[in-house]
Amino acid sequence: MKIKQHVSHSVFQENTYFLSKNDQVLIIDPGDDPSLLIDEINKSKYKVQAVLATHGHVDHILAAARICERYSCPFIMSKYDQKIVNDLELTCTGFGMKYFGTPKIDKDIANESELQIGEFSLKILHTPGHTAGGVCFLIENILFSGDTLFHRSVGRTDLPGGDHGKLLRSIKDVLYALPDETIVYPGHMDTTTIGEEKRHNPFLKL
């Protein structure tokens, strides 16, 4: 599997990930202007299998509706963040961002632990705290942690639906149970590993 990281041009500097096997691709957290992401898809001649979101915040789903419509692919996330998704247009207005449509959740993973999409096998790790429906995706030894865990930091919990105690429990009980060598691709900032965060993350040390 190949991983390509696209850093958003917006103030949020969010990471979108393209996961490819042969010509198939999954897109995780498409938070940038859709035209930029669509250019990348077309340039690489990807066949888009699905768009996945770790949670419902604007900087992780901004382009989802356009991409799913353009490539007739499903949008996959937890229904527990449905209200956040429903407020997408209002959120865009509040941040002075262009609105590109609200995606419809085609596959709800609120009660799922695994997904098979084309050539991709994913484990779904439920990690509420940043939002009620926050999840991480595990593929082999690679974790896409959204806004749950960052390099030496954690997701903010001062937004609606955030719960700091739940976030720390999600990290300690779910993510820190993974092998230390697990590579972490977060929703913002640089890659890290589970072992690195166990040793050095100041928000939660074992």
C-alpha atoms as a PDB file:
ATOM      1  CA  MET A   1       0.000   0.000   0.000  1.00  0.00           C
ATOM      2  CA  LYS A   2       1.190   3.505  -0.848  1.00  0.00           C
ATOM      3  CA  ILE A   3       0.290   6.569   1.203  1.00  0.00           C
ATOM      4  CA  LYS A   4       0.257  10.093  -0.141  1.00  0.00           C
ATOM      5  CA  GLN A   5      -0.263  13.004   2.239  1.00  0.00           C
ATOM      6  CA  HIS A   6      -1.885  16.238   1.115  1.00  0.00           C
ATOM      7  CA  VAL A   7      -1.693  19.197   3.497  1.00  0.00           C
ATOM      8  CA  SER A   8      -4.639  21.576   3.280  1.00  0.00           C
ATOM      9  CA  HIS A   9      -4.052  25.078   1.966  1.00  0.00           C
ATOM     10  CA  SER A  10      -6.488  26.442   4.557  1.00  0.00           C
ATOM     11  CA  VAL A  11      -5.689  27.860   7.972  1.00  0.00           C
ATOM     12  CA  PHE A  12      -6.385  24.411   9.463  1.00  0.00           C
ATOM     13  CA  GLN A  13      -3.398  22.729   7.740  1.00  0.00           C
ATOM     14  CA  GLU A  14      -5.292  19.428   7.843  1.00  0.00           C
ATOM     15  CA  ASN A  15      -3.839  16.228   6.385  1.00  0.00           C
ATOM     16  CA  THR A  16      -5.777  14.360   3.703  1.00  0.00           C
ATOM     17  CA  TYR A  17      -4.492  10.873   2.959  1.00  0.00           C
ATOM     18  CA  PHE A  18      -4.646   8.933  -0.304  1.00  0.00           C
ATOM     19  CA  LEU A  19      -4.183   5.197   0.300  1.00  0.00           C
ATOM     20  CA  SER A  20      -3.538   3.331  -2.933  1.00  0.00           C
ATOM     21  CA  LYS A  21      -3.166  -0.272  -4.005  1.00  0.00           C
ATOM     22  CA  ASN A  22      -2.631  -0.716  -7.713  1.00  0.00           C
ATOM     23  CA  ASP A  23      -5.071   1.850  -9.137  1.00  0.00           C
ATOM     24  CA  GLN A  24      -7.564   1.678  -6.259  1.00  0.00           C
ATOM     25  CA  VAL A  25      -7.579   4.469  -3.681  1.00  0.00           C
ATOM     26  CA  LEU A  26      -9.252   5.321  -0.405  1.00  0.00           C
ATOM     27  CA  ILE A  27      -9.379   8.958   0.666  1.00  0.00           C
ATOM     28  CA  ILE A  28      -9.289   9.760   4.384  1.00  0.00           C
ATOM     29  CA  ASP A  29     -10.383  13.181   5.694  1.00  0.00           C
ATOM     30  CA  PRO A  30     -10.713  15.283   2.518  1.00  0.00           C
ATOM     31  CA  GLY A  31     -10.618  18.714   4.141  1.00  0.00           C
ATOM     32  CA  ASP A  32      -9.216  20.938   1.397  1.00  0.00           C
ATOM     33  CA  ASP A  33     -10.787  22.672  -1.591  1.00  0.00           C
ATOM     34  CA  PRO A  34     -12.211  19.780  -3.659  1.00  0.00           C
ATOM     35  CA  SER A  35     -10.680  21.040  -6.909  1.00  0.00           C
ATOM     36  CA  LEU A  36      -7.199  20.520  -5.480  1.00  0.00           C
ATOM     37  CA  LEU A  37      -7.970  16.978  -4.338  1.00  0.00           C
ATOM     38  CA  ILE A  38      -9.735  16.115  -7.594  1.00  0.00           C
ATOM     39  CA  ASP A  39      -6.662  17.307  -9.512  1.00  0.00           C
ATOM     40  CA  GLU A  40      -4.556  14.900  -7.457  1.00  0.00           C
ATOM     41  CA  ILE A  41      -6.967  12.031  -8.099  1.00  0.00           C
ATOM     42  CA  ASN A  42      -7.015  12.635 -11.833  1.00  0.00           C
ATOM     43  CA  LYS A  43      -3.263  13.181 -12.086  1.00  0.00           C
ATOM     44  CA  SER A  44      -2.605   9.860 -10.368  1.00  0.00           C
ATOM     45  CA  LYS A  45      -5.406   8.114 -12.327  1.00  0.00           C
ATOM     46  CA  TYR A  46      -6.874   6.771  -9.103  1.00  0.00           C
ATOM     47  CA  LYS A  47     -10.099   4.780  -9.033  1.00  0.00           C
ATOM     48  CA  VAL A  48     -11.752   6.087  -5.879  1.00  0.00           C
ATOM     49  CA  GLN A  49     -13.304   3.302  -3.809  1.00  0.00           C
ATOM     50  CA  ALA A  50     -14.577   5.389  -0.875  1.00  0.00           C
ATOM     51  CA  VAL A  51     -14.151   8.551   1.141  1.00  0.00           C
ATOM     52  CA  LEU A  52     -13.702   8.017   4.888  1.00  0.00           C
ATOM     53  CA  ALA A  53     -13.809  10.547   7.702  1.00  0.00           C
ATOM     54  CA  THR A  54     -12.340  10.124  11.160  1.00  0.00           C
ATOM     55  CA  HIS A  55     -14.888  12.669  12.432  1.00  0.00           C
ATOM     56  CA  GLY A  56     -17.274  15.324  11.209  1.00  0.00           C
ATOM     57  CA  HIS A  57     -15.433  18.634  11.556  1.00  0.00           C
ATOM     58  CA  VAL A  58     -15.319  20.936   8.538  1.00  0.00           C
ATOM     59  CA  ASP A  59     -11.572  20.586   8.019  1.00  0.00           C
ATOM     60  CA  HIS A  60     -11.978  16.828   7.566  1.00  0.00           C
ATOM     61  CA  ILE A  61     -15.048  16.634   5.321  1.00  0.00           C
ATOM     62  CA  LEU A  62     -15.104  19.881   3.323  1.00  0.00           C
ATOM     63  CA  ALA A  63     -14.556  18.175  -0.052  1.00  0.00           C
ATOM     64  CA  ALA A  64     -16.366  14.902   0.681  1.00  0.00           C
ATOM     65  CA  ALA A  65     -19.648  15.708  -1.065  1.00  0.00           C
ATOM     66  CA  ARG A  66     -17.964  16.879  -4.288  1.00  0.00           C
ATOM     67  CA  ILE A  67     -15.608  13.900  -4.449  1.00  0.00           C
ATOM     68  CA  CYS A  68     -18.327  11.339  -3.737  1.00  0.00           C
ATOM     69  CA  GLU A  69     -20.572  12.896  -6.378  1.00  0.00           C
ATOM     70  CA  ARG A  70     -17.794  13.143  -8.954  1.00  0.00           C
ATOM     71  CA  TYR A  71     -16.606   9.541  -8.550  1.00  0.00           C
ATOM     72  CA  SER A  72     -19.865   7.857  -7.446  1.00  0.00           C
ATOM     73  CA  CYS A  73     -18.255   6.493  -4.296  1.00  0.00           C
ATOM     74  CA  PRO A  74     -19.612   6.097  -0.742  1.00  0.00           C
ATOM     75  CA  PHE A  75     -18.969   8.413   2.185  1.00  0.00           C
ATOM     76  CA  ILE A  76     -18.122   6.482   5.351  1.00  0.00           C
ATOM     77  CA  MET A  77     -18.178   7.800   8.916  1.00  0.00           C
ATOM     78  CA  SER A  78     -19.940   7.435  12.281  1.00  0.00           C
ATOM     79  CA  LYS A  79     -23.535   8.626  12.660  1.00  0.00           C
ATOM     80  CA  TYR A  80     -22.613   9.971  16.098  1.00  0.00           C
ATOM     81  CA  ASP A  81     -21.161  13.002  14.310  1.00  0.00           C
ATOM     82  CA  GLN A  82     -24.241  13.492  12.135  1.00  0.00           C
ATOM     83  CA  LYS A  83     -25.196  16.782  13.807  1.00  0.00           C
ATOM     84  CA  ILE A  84     -21.752  18.224  13.078  1.00  0.00           C
ATOM     85  CA  VAL A  85     -22.133  17.194   9.439  1.00  0.00           C
ATOM     86  CA  ASN A  86     -25.610  18.719   9.291  1.00  0.00           C
ATOM     87  CA  ASP A  87     -24.137  22.065  10.398  1.00  0.00           C
ATOM     88  CA  LEU A  88     -21.440  22.076   7.702  1.00  0.00           C
ATOM     89  CA  GLU A  89     -22.841  24.966   5.669  1.00  0.00           C
ATOM     90  CA  LEU A  90     -23.294  27.099   8.784  1.00  0.00           C
ATOM     91  CA  THR A  91     -19.765  26.238   9.924  1.00  0.00           C
ATOM     92  CA  CYS A  92     -18.322  27.237   6.555  1.00  0.00           C
ATOM     93  CA  THR A  93     -20.126  30.573   6.804  1.00  0.00           C
ATOM     94  CA  GLY A  94     -18.763  31.103  10.303  1.00  0.00           C
ATOM     95  CA  PHE A  95     -15.177  30.526   9.154  1.00  0.00           C
ATOM     96  CA  GLY A  96     -15.597  32.480   5.928  1.00  0.00           C
ATOM     97  CA  MET A  97     -14.990  29.317   3.881  1.00  0.00           C
ATOM     98  CA  LYS A  98     -16.582  28.307   0.608  1.00  0.00           C
ATOM     99  CA  TYR A  99     -19.274  25.656   0.986  1.00  0.00           C
ATOM    100  CA  PHE A 100     -19.131  22.691  -1.413  1.00  0.00           C
ATOM    101  CA  GLY A 101     -22.139  20.680  -0.265  1.00  0.00           C
ATOM    102  CA  THR A 102     -22.932  18.414   2.671  1.00  0.00           C
ATOM    103  CA  PRO A 103     -22.057  14.733   2.271  1.00  0.00           C
ATOM    104  CA  LYS A 104     -24.582  12.009   3.021  1.00  0.00           C
ATOM    105  CA  ILE A 105     -23.336   9.175   5.221  1.00  0.00           C
ATOM    106  CA  ASP A 106     -23.689   6.132   2.964  1.00  0.00           C
ATOM    107  CA  LYS A 107     -22.053   3.703   5.384  1.00  0.00           C
ATOM    108  CA  ASP A 108     -22.440   4.262   9.116  1.00  0.00           C
ATOM    109  CA  ILE A 109     -19.569   2.731  11.102  1.00  0.00           C
ATOM    110  CA  ALA A 110     -20.817   3.650  14.583  1.00  0.00           C
ATOM    111  CA  ASN A 111     -21.166  -0.038  15.460  1.00  0.00           C
ATOM    112  CA  GLU A 112     -18.593  -1.520  13.102  1.00  0.00           C
ATOM    113  CA  SER A 113     -15.140  -2.844  13.933  1.00  0.00           C
ATOM    114  CA  GLU A 114     -13.913  -3.839  10.471  1.00  0.00           C
ATOM    115  CA  LEU A 115     -14.322  -2.767   6.866  1.00  0.00           C
ATOM    116  CA  GLN A 116     -13.431  -4.436   3.587  1.00  0.00           C
ATOM    117  CA  ILE A 117     -13.371  -2.000   0.679  1.00  0.00           C
ATOM    118  CA  GLY A 118     -11.968  -3.349  -2.570  1.00  0.00           C
ATOM    119  CA  GLU A 119      -8.406  -4.418  -1.817  1.00  0.00           C
ATOM    120  CA  PHE A 120      -8.339  -2.682   1.569  1.00  0.00           C
ATOM    121  CA  SER A 121      -8.978  -4.283   4.960  1.00  0.00           C
ATOM    122  CA  LEU A 122      -9.405  -1.789   7.785  1.00  0.00           C
ATOM    123  CA  LYS A 123     -10.017  -2.014  11.495  1.00  0.00           C
ATOM    124  CA  ILE A 124     -12.179   0.702  13.009  1.00  0.00           C
ATOM    125  CA  LEU A 125     -11.094   1.906  16.435  1.00  0.00           C
ATOM    126  CA  HIS A 126     -13.710   3.968  18.231  1.00  0.00           C
ATOM    127  CA  THR A 127     -12.022   6.870  20.000  1.00  0.00           C
ATOM    128  CA  PRO A 128     -14.595   9.392  21.241  1.00  0.00           C
ATOM    129  CA  GLY A 129     -13.394  12.528  22.976  1.00  0.00           C
ATOM    130  CA  HIS A 130     -12.525  15.048  20.286  1.00  0.00           C
ATOM    131  CA  THR A 131     -16.030  14.391  18.983  1.00  0.00           C
ATOM    132  CA  ALA A 132     -18.648  11.831  19.990  1.00  0.00           C
ATOM    133  CA  GLY A 133     -18.192   9.887  16.774  1.00  0.00           C
ATOM    134  CA  GLY A 134     -14.430  10.073  16.455  1.00  0.00           C
ATOM    135  CA  VAL A 135     -12.713   6.976  15.061  1.00  0.00           C
ATOM    136  CA  CYS A 136      -9.256   5.928  13.949  1.00  0.00           C
ATOM    137  CA  PHE A 137      -8.538   3.601  11.042  1.00  0.00           C
ATOM    138  CA  LEU A 138      -5.919   0.855  11.347  1.00  0.00           C
ATOM    139  CA  ILE A 139      -4.487  -0.779   8.247  1.00  0.00           C
ATOM    140  CA  GLU A 140      -1.733  -3.296   8.907  1.00  0.00           C
ATOM    141  CA  ASN A 141       0.644  -1.422  11.239  1.00  0.00           C
ATOM    142  CA  ILE A 142      -0.505   2.032  10.176  1.00  0.00           C
ATOM    143  CA  LEU A 143      -2.947   4.147  12.167  1.00  0.00           C
ATOM    144  CA  PHE A 144      -4.850   7.134  10.810  1.00  0.00           C
ATOM    145  CA  SER A 145      -5.633   8.928  14.038  1.00  0.00           C
ATOM    146  CA  GLY A 146      -7.650  11.951  12.874  1.00  0.00           C
ATOM    147  CA  ASP A 147      -7.752  14.509  15.674  1.00  0.00           C
ATOM    148  CA  THR A 148      -7.473  12.001  18.519  1.00  0.00           C
ATOM    149  CA  LEU A 149      -3.685  11.742  18.749  1.00  0.00           C
ATOM    150  CA  PHE A 150      -0.970  13.990  17.341  1.00  0.00           C
ATOM    151  CA  HIS A 151       2.810  14.107  17.559  1.00  0.00           C
ATOM    152  CA  ARG A 152       3.320  14.962  21.251  1.00  0.00           C
ATOM    153  CA  SER A 153      -0.181  16.363  21.490  1.00  0.00           C
ATOM    154  CA  VAL A 154      -3.855  15.386  21.529  1.00  0.00           C
ATOM    155  CA  GLY A 155      -7.065  16.691  20.003  1.00  0.00           C
ATOM    156  CA  ARG A 156      -8.836  19.682  21.501  1.00  0.00           C
ATOM    157  CA  THR A 157     -11.961  19.014  23.538  1.00  0.00           C
ATOM    158  CA  ASP A 158     -13.393  22.517  23.986  1.00  0.00           C
ATOM    159  CA  LEU A 159     -15.719  22.256  20.974  1.00  0.00           C
ATOM    160  CA  PRO A 160     -19.330  20.939  21.156  1.00  0.00           C
ATOM    161  CA  GLY A 161     -19.269  17.185  21.772  1.00  0.00           C
ATOM    162  CA  GLY A 162     -15.732  17.225  23.136  1.00  0.00           C
ATOM    163  CA  ASP A 163     -14.896  15.399  26.359  1.00  0.00           C
ATOM    164  CA  HIS A 164     -11.321  15.513  27.651  1.00  0.00           C
ATOM    165  CA  GLY A 165     -11.711  12.516  29.966  1.00  0.00           C
ATOM    166  CA  LYS A 166     -13.089  10.379  27.148  1.00  0.00           C
ATOM    167  CA  LEU A 167     -10.302  11.487  24.818  1.00  0.00           C
ATOM    168  CA  LEU A 168      -7.575  10.465  27.247  1.00  0.00           C
ATOM    169  CA  ARG A 169      -9.294   7.123  27.901  1.00  0.00           C
ATOM    170  CA  SER A 170      -9.540   6.518  24.160  1.00  0.00           C
ATOM    171  CA  ILE A 171      -5.827   7.103  23.772  1.00  0.00           C
ATOM    172  CA  LYS A 172      -4.793   5.090  26.812  1.00  0.00           C
ATOM    173  CA  ASP A 173      -7.193   2.169  26.458  1.00  0.00           C
ATOM    174  CA  VAL A 174      -7.460   1.880  22.668  1.00  0.00           C
ATOM    175  CA  LEU A 175      -4.505   3.475  20.905  1.00  0.00           C
ATOM    176  CA  TYR A 176      -1.809   2.761  23.473  1.00  0.00           C
ATOM    177  CA  ALA A 177      -2.846  -0.910  23.344  1.00  0.00           C
ATOM    178  CA  LEU A 178      -1.389  -1.058  19.830  1.00  0.00           C
ATOM    179  CA  PRO A 179       2.220  -2.164  19.279  1.00  0.00           C
ATOM    180  CA  ASP A 180       4.822   0.542  19.864  1.00  0.00           C
ATOM    181  CA  GLU A 181       5.994   0.308  16.254  1.00  0.00           C
ATOM    182  CA  THR A 182       2.566   1.286  14.907  1.00  0.00           C
ATOM    183  CA  ILE A 183       3.028   4.293  12.611  1.00  0.00           C
ATOM    184  CA  VAL A 184       0.610   7.148  13.285  1.00  0.00           C
ATOM    185  CA  TYR A 185      -0.619   9.426  10.516  1.00  0.00           C
ATOM    186  CA  PRO A 186      -2.540  12.208  12.319  1.00  0.00           C
ATOM    187  CA  GLY A 187      -5.097  14.697  11.071  1.00  0.00           C
ATOM    188  CA  HIS A 188      -2.620  17.549  11.599  1.00  0.00           C
ATOM    189  CA  MET A 189       1.145  17.833  11.967  1.00  0.00           C
ATOM    190  CA  ASP A 190       3.770  15.175  11.394  1.00  0.00           C
ATOM    191  CA  THR A 191       3.746  11.401  11.577  1.00  0.00           C
ATOM    192  CA  THR A 192       4.772   9.646  14.767  1.00  0.00           C
ATOM    193  CA  THR A 193       4.562   6.196  16.381  1.00  0.00           C
ATOM    194  CA  ILE A 194       2.629   4.784  19.291  1.00  0.00           C
ATOM    195  CA  GLY A 195       5.891   4.118  21.136  1.00  0.00           C
ATOM    196  CA  GLU A 196       7.041   7.706  20.643  1.00  0.00           C
ATOM    197  CA  GLU A 197       3.795   9.026  22.102  1.00  0.00           C
ATOM    198  CA  LYS A 198       3.873   6.650  25.066  1.00  0.00           C
ATOM    199  CA  ARG A 199       7.322   7.928  25.949  1.00  0.00           C
ATOM    200  CA  HIS A 200       7.035  11.612  25.170  1.00  0.00           C
ATOM    201  CA  ASN A 201       3.443  12.829  24.819  1.00  0.00           C
ATOM    202  CA  PRO A 202       3.060  15.247  27.753  1.00  0.00           C
ATOM    203  CA  PHE A 203      -0.733  14.923  27.828  1.00  0.00           C
ATOM    204  CA  LEU A 204      -0.784  11.238  28.691  1.00  0.00           C
ATOM    205  CA  LYS A 205       2.247   9.280  29.854  1.00  0.00           C
ATOM    206  CA  LEU A 206       2.034   5.696  31.012  1.00  0.00           C
END
